[in-house]
Amino acid sequence: MANRSFRVKKNREEAIRVLKIVIDVLDKHNIKYYLDFGTLIGAIRDKGLILWDDDIDISLLNQEDYKKIPDILKEIENNNNLRTYIYTFNSTKQKREKRGNKVYSQNVSFANMQDFQIAKVRTSKFLIFGRGNTCIDIFFKYKFENNIYWMAYGKENSVPIEYVSYEVIDIDFCGLKCKIPKEYDKYLTYKYGDWKTPKENWNHEDDDFSINN
């Protein structure tokens, strides 16, 4: 199997190309977002993509923006050689989906089952990149009681709202001006502990912030 990680220069270049397309459209429509998870760590710690990662993660900041995303994905897909997908919590396909594996959820308690769970922007199937050529994962997060919740790898995840920064700042990320949480250290430390030390063998099952752990 071909190497799909960011150690491959072509993969890095393709990921940044697609990220630029996505954030340009989000900015155009005033959709607030921030780099998240491993992408956020790489942007701060490594000043770029984590070489053993293989996709880019961003999260949306405001729930009121979520209803705009299907049309935004349509714009991204129609104007570029890209494929877009969006999944609800009951795993039913929306009109922007054409193919791909379903993202299942179990015991979701923080969102309506028809709410959006995750969106994906992928390169053409003829390009080798990421999990099933996934370039960008867009996470939808929801406030419920005193926590912010989202789904990842079929699990409910949460962060206490006190660790979530609703203020973002700009950062230079691989030549792009991207958004990150202003209080990123507090956020990442809660989720990952010692996030400043690279852990090449890390996988999502090691995630301390999964409420199912």
Protein backbone atom coordinates (compact mmCIF):
# COMPACT_ATOMS: atom_id res chain seq x y z
CA MET A 1 0.00 0.00 0.00
CA ALA A 2 1.28 3.42 -0.88
CA ASN A 3 2.42 5.71 1.93
CA ARG A 4 -0.46 8.10 2.61
CA SER A 5 1.15 10.08 5.42
CA PHE A 6 2.49 13.62 5.20
CA ARG A 7 6.04 12.26 4.97
CA VAL A 8 5.28 12.20 1.24
CA LYS A 9 5.78 15.69 -0.18
CA LYS A 10 3.00 15.28 -2.73
CA ASN A 11 0.54 14.47 0.07
CA ARG A 12 1.53 17.59 2.02
CA GLU A 13 1.21 19.81 -1.03
CA GLU A 14 -2.19 18.37 -1.95
CA ALA A 15 -3.50 18.74 1.59
CA ILE A 16 -2.52 22.41 1.77
CA ARG A 17 -4.00 23.05 -1.66
CA VAL A 18 -7.36 21.66 -0.55
CA LEU A 19 -7.21 23.42 2.81
CA LYS A 20 -6.76 26.75 1.02
CA ILE A 21 -9.85 26.08 -1.09
CA VAL A 22 -11.91 25.20 1.98
CA ILE A 23 -10.87 28.11 4.22
CA ASP A 24 -11.17 30.62 1.37
CA VAL A 25 -14.82 29.61 0.93
CA LEU A 26 -15.47 29.58 4.68
CA ASP A 27 -13.95 33.06 4.98
CA LYS A 28 -15.98 34.26 2.00
CA HIS A 29 -19.19 33.27 3.77
CA ASN A 30 -18.02 34.48 7.21
CA ILE A 31 -18.05 30.96 8.66
CA LYS A 32 -15.87 30.86 11.76
CA TYR A 33 -13.57 27.85 12.09
CA TYR A 34 -10.29 26.83 13.69
CA LEU A 35 -7.62 24.22 13.09
CA ASP A 36 -8.17 21.34 15.49
CA PHE A 37 -6.74 18.12 16.91
CA GLY A 38 -3.47 16.94 15.33
CA THR A 39 -3.56 19.73 12.77
CA LEU A 40 -3.68 22.31 15.56
CA ILE A 41 -0.80 20.63 17.39
CA GLY A 42 1.26 20.54 14.21
CA ALA A 43 0.56 24.19 13.44
CA ILE A 44 1.82 25.30 16.86
CA ARG A 45 4.46 22.74 17.81
CA ASP A 46 5.87 21.71 14.43
CA LYS A 47 5.06 24.87 12.43
CA GLY A 48 3.46 22.64 9.83
CA LEU A 49 1.82 19.28 9.28
CA ILE A 50 2.71 16.40 11.58
CA LEU A 51 4.59 14.08 9.27
CA TRP A 52 2.94 10.87 10.49
CA ASP A 53 -0.55 12.35 10.21
CA ASP A 54 -2.59 11.88 7.04
CA ASP A 55 -5.48 14.34 7.10
CA ILE A 56 -6.36 17.86 8.20
CA ASP A 57 -8.92 18.59 10.91
CA ILE A 58 -10.88 21.78 11.38
CA SER A 59 -13.87 22.55 13.59
CA LEU A 60 -16.63 25.10 13.17
CA LEU A 61 -17.08 27.65 15.91
CA ASN A 62 -20.75 28.65 15.81
CA GLN A 63 -23.71 26.30 15.65
CA GLU A 64 -25.79 28.91 13.83
CA ASP A 65 -23.43 28.51 10.85
CA TYR A 66 -24.05 24.79 10.47
CA LYS A 67 -27.11 25.08 8.27
CA LYS A 68 -25.01 26.95 5.68
CA ILE A 69 -22.52 24.12 5.24
CA PRO A 70 -24.40 21.98 2.65
CA ASP A 71 -24.49 24.91 0.21
CA ILE A 72 -20.86 25.73 0.98
CA LEU A 73 -19.85 22.14 0.24
CA LYS A 74 -21.78 22.35 -3.02
CA GLU A 75 -19.82 25.47 -3.96
CA ILE A 76 -16.52 23.78 -3.09
CA GLU A 77 -17.36 20.71 -5.13
CA ASN A 78 -18.74 22.52 -8.17
CA ASN A 79 -15.79 24.89 -8.52
CA ASN A 80 -12.99 22.39 -7.88
CA ASN A 81 -12.06 18.82 -8.69
CA LEU A 82 -13.11 17.70 -5.22
CA ARG A 83 -15.74 15.48 -3.61
CA THR A 84 -17.71 16.51 -0.53
CA TYR A 85 -19.70 14.56 2.04
CA ILE A 86 -21.77 15.36 5.10
CA TYR A 87 -23.13 12.93 7.70
CA THR A 88 -25.85 13.26 10.31
CA PHE A 89 -25.79 11.47 13.64
CA ASN A 90 -28.04 8.69 12.34
CA SER A 91 -25.58 8.10 9.48
CA THR A 92 -28.10 8.92 6.75
CA LYS A 93 -26.66 10.46 3.63
CA GLN A 94 -27.45 14.03 2.74
CA LYS A 95 -27.69 15.36 -0.80
CA ARG A 96 -24.01 16.41 -0.83
CA GLU A 97 -22.90 12.79 -0.41
CA LYS A 98 -22.12 10.54 -3.32
CA ARG A 99 -20.06 7.69 -1.92
CA GLY A 100 -17.90 6.67 1.00
CA ASN A 101 -18.17 4.74 4.25
CA LYS A 102 -20.78 5.78 6.78
CA VAL A 103 -19.66 7.30 10.06
CA TYR A 104 -21.67 5.52 12.72
CA SER A 105 -22.71 6.94 16.08
CA GLN A 106 -23.99 5.32 19.24
CA ASN A 107 -25.90 6.74 22.20
CA VAL A 108 -25.70 10.34 21.03
CA SER A 109 -27.22 12.44 23.80
CA PHE A 110 -26.14 15.97 22.90
CA ALA A 111 -27.63 16.55 19.44
CA ASN A 112 -30.66 15.76 17.34
CA MET A 113 -30.08 12.64 15.24
CA GLN A 114 -30.67 14.74 12.11
CA ASP A 115 -27.97 17.24 13.08
CA PHE A 116 -24.70 17.26 11.19
CA GLN A 117 -21.92 15.13 12.61
CA ILE A 118 -18.97 15.53 10.26
CA ALA A 119 -18.23 16.80 6.76
CA LYS A 120 -15.43 15.65 4.52
CA VAL A 121 -13.72 17.21 1.53
CA ARG A 122 -11.74 14.74 -0.54
CA THR A 123 -9.48 14.83 -3.54
CA SER A 124 -10.23 12.89 -6.68
CA LYS A 125 -10.20 9.13 -6.21
CA PHE A 126 -7.25 8.97 -8.58
CA LEU A 127 -4.99 10.77 -6.09
CA ILE A 128 -3.40 8.84 -3.25
CA PHE A 129 -3.91 10.73 -0.02
CA GLY A 130 -5.22 10.19 3.48
CA ARG A 131 -7.83 7.69 4.61
CA GLY A 132 -9.72 6.97 1.43
CA ASN A 133 -8.18 10.13 -0.05
CA THR A 134 -9.67 12.27 2.73
CA CYS A 135 -8.05 15.69 2.83
CA ILE A 136 -10.20 17.72 5.21
CA ASP A 137 -12.44 16.60 8.09
CA ILE A 138 -14.83 19.30 9.30
CA PHE A 139 -16.23 18.70 12.79
CA PHE A 140 -19.54 20.02 14.08
CA LYS A 141 -19.45 20.66 17.82
CA TYR A 142 -22.44 21.13 20.11
CA LYS A 143 -22.92 22.75 23.50
CA PHE A 144 -24.83 20.56 25.94
CA GLU A 145 -25.08 21.54 29.58
CA ASN A 146 -21.51 22.40 30.66
CA ASN A 147 -19.61 20.68 27.87
CA ILE A 148 -18.86 20.90 24.18
CA TYR A 149 -19.49 17.58 22.41
CA TRP A 150 -18.64 16.05 19.05
CA MET A 151 -18.28 12.66 17.42
CA ALA A 152 -15.00 11.10 16.30
CA TYR A 153 -14.35 7.48 15.31
CA GLY A 154 -17.85 6.51 16.43
CA LYS A 155 -17.38 7.88 19.96
CA GLU A 156 -18.84 10.81 21.79
CA ASN A 157 -16.13 13.23 22.88
CA SER A 158 -16.32 16.25 25.12
CA VAL A 159 -14.41 19.15 26.61
CA PRO A 160 -15.71 21.25 29.53
CA ILE A 161 -16.83 24.58 28.16
CA GLU A 162 -14.28 26.37 30.35
CA TYR A 163 -11.52 24.91 28.15
CA VAL A 164 -13.10 26.04 24.90
CA SER A 165 -12.02 29.39 23.51
CA TYR A 166 -14.55 31.21 21.36
CA GLU A 167 -11.91 33.74 20.41
CA VAL A 168 -9.57 32.83 17.57
CA ILE A 169 -6.29 34.26 16.36
CA ASP A 170 -4.47 34.07 13.04
CA ILE A 171 -1.45 31.86 12.51
CA ASP A 172 0.77 31.23 9.50
CA PHE A 173 0.28 27.58 8.62
CA CYS A 174 2.20 26.26 5.64
CA GLY A 175 1.93 29.64 3.94
CA LEU A 176 -1.77 30.09 4.70
CA LYS A 177 -3.41 32.44 7.20
CA CYS A 178 -5.45 30.10 9.37
CA LYS A 179 -7.47 30.41 12.57
CA ILE A 180 -6.64 28.70 15.86
CA PRO A 181 -8.16 29.03 19.35
CA LYS A 182 -6.61 31.90 21.28
CA GLU A 183 -6.35 29.73 24.41
CA TYR A 184 -4.97 26.74 22.53
CA ASP A 185 -2.57 25.67 25.31
CA LYS A 186 -5.34 25.23 27.87
CA TYR A 187 -7.47 23.41 25.32
CA LEU A 188 -4.76 21.04 24.09
CA THR A 189 -3.39 20.32 27.55
CA TYR A 190 -6.83 19.26 28.76
CA LYS A 191 -7.32 16.97 25.77
CA TYR A 192 -3.85 15.51 25.26
CA GLY A 193 -1.80 16.18 28.36
CA ASP A 194 1.80 16.67 27.22
CA TRP A 195 0.95 17.67 23.67
CA LYS A 196 4.31 19.41 23.21
CA THR A 197 6.18 16.09 23.09
CA PRO A 198 5.83 14.33 19.72
CA LYS A 199 4.26 10.85 19.93
CA GLU A 200 4.69 9.17 16.60
CA ASN A 201 2.84 6.00 17.63
CA TRP A 202 -0.20 7.88 18.94
CA ASN A 203 -3.61 6.85 17.66
CA HIS A 204 -7.15 8.02 18.36
CA GLU A 205 -7.72 5.22 20.90
CA ASP A 206 -5.14 6.93 23.12
CA ASP A 207 -7.30 10.06 23.22
CA ASP A 208 -7.85 10.93 26.87
CA PHE A 209 -10.79 13.20 26.07
CA SER A 210 -13.12 10.46 24.75
CA ILE A 211 -15.98 10.19 27.24
CA ASN A 212 -16.25 6.51 26.37
CA ASN A 213 -12.77 5.75 27.73
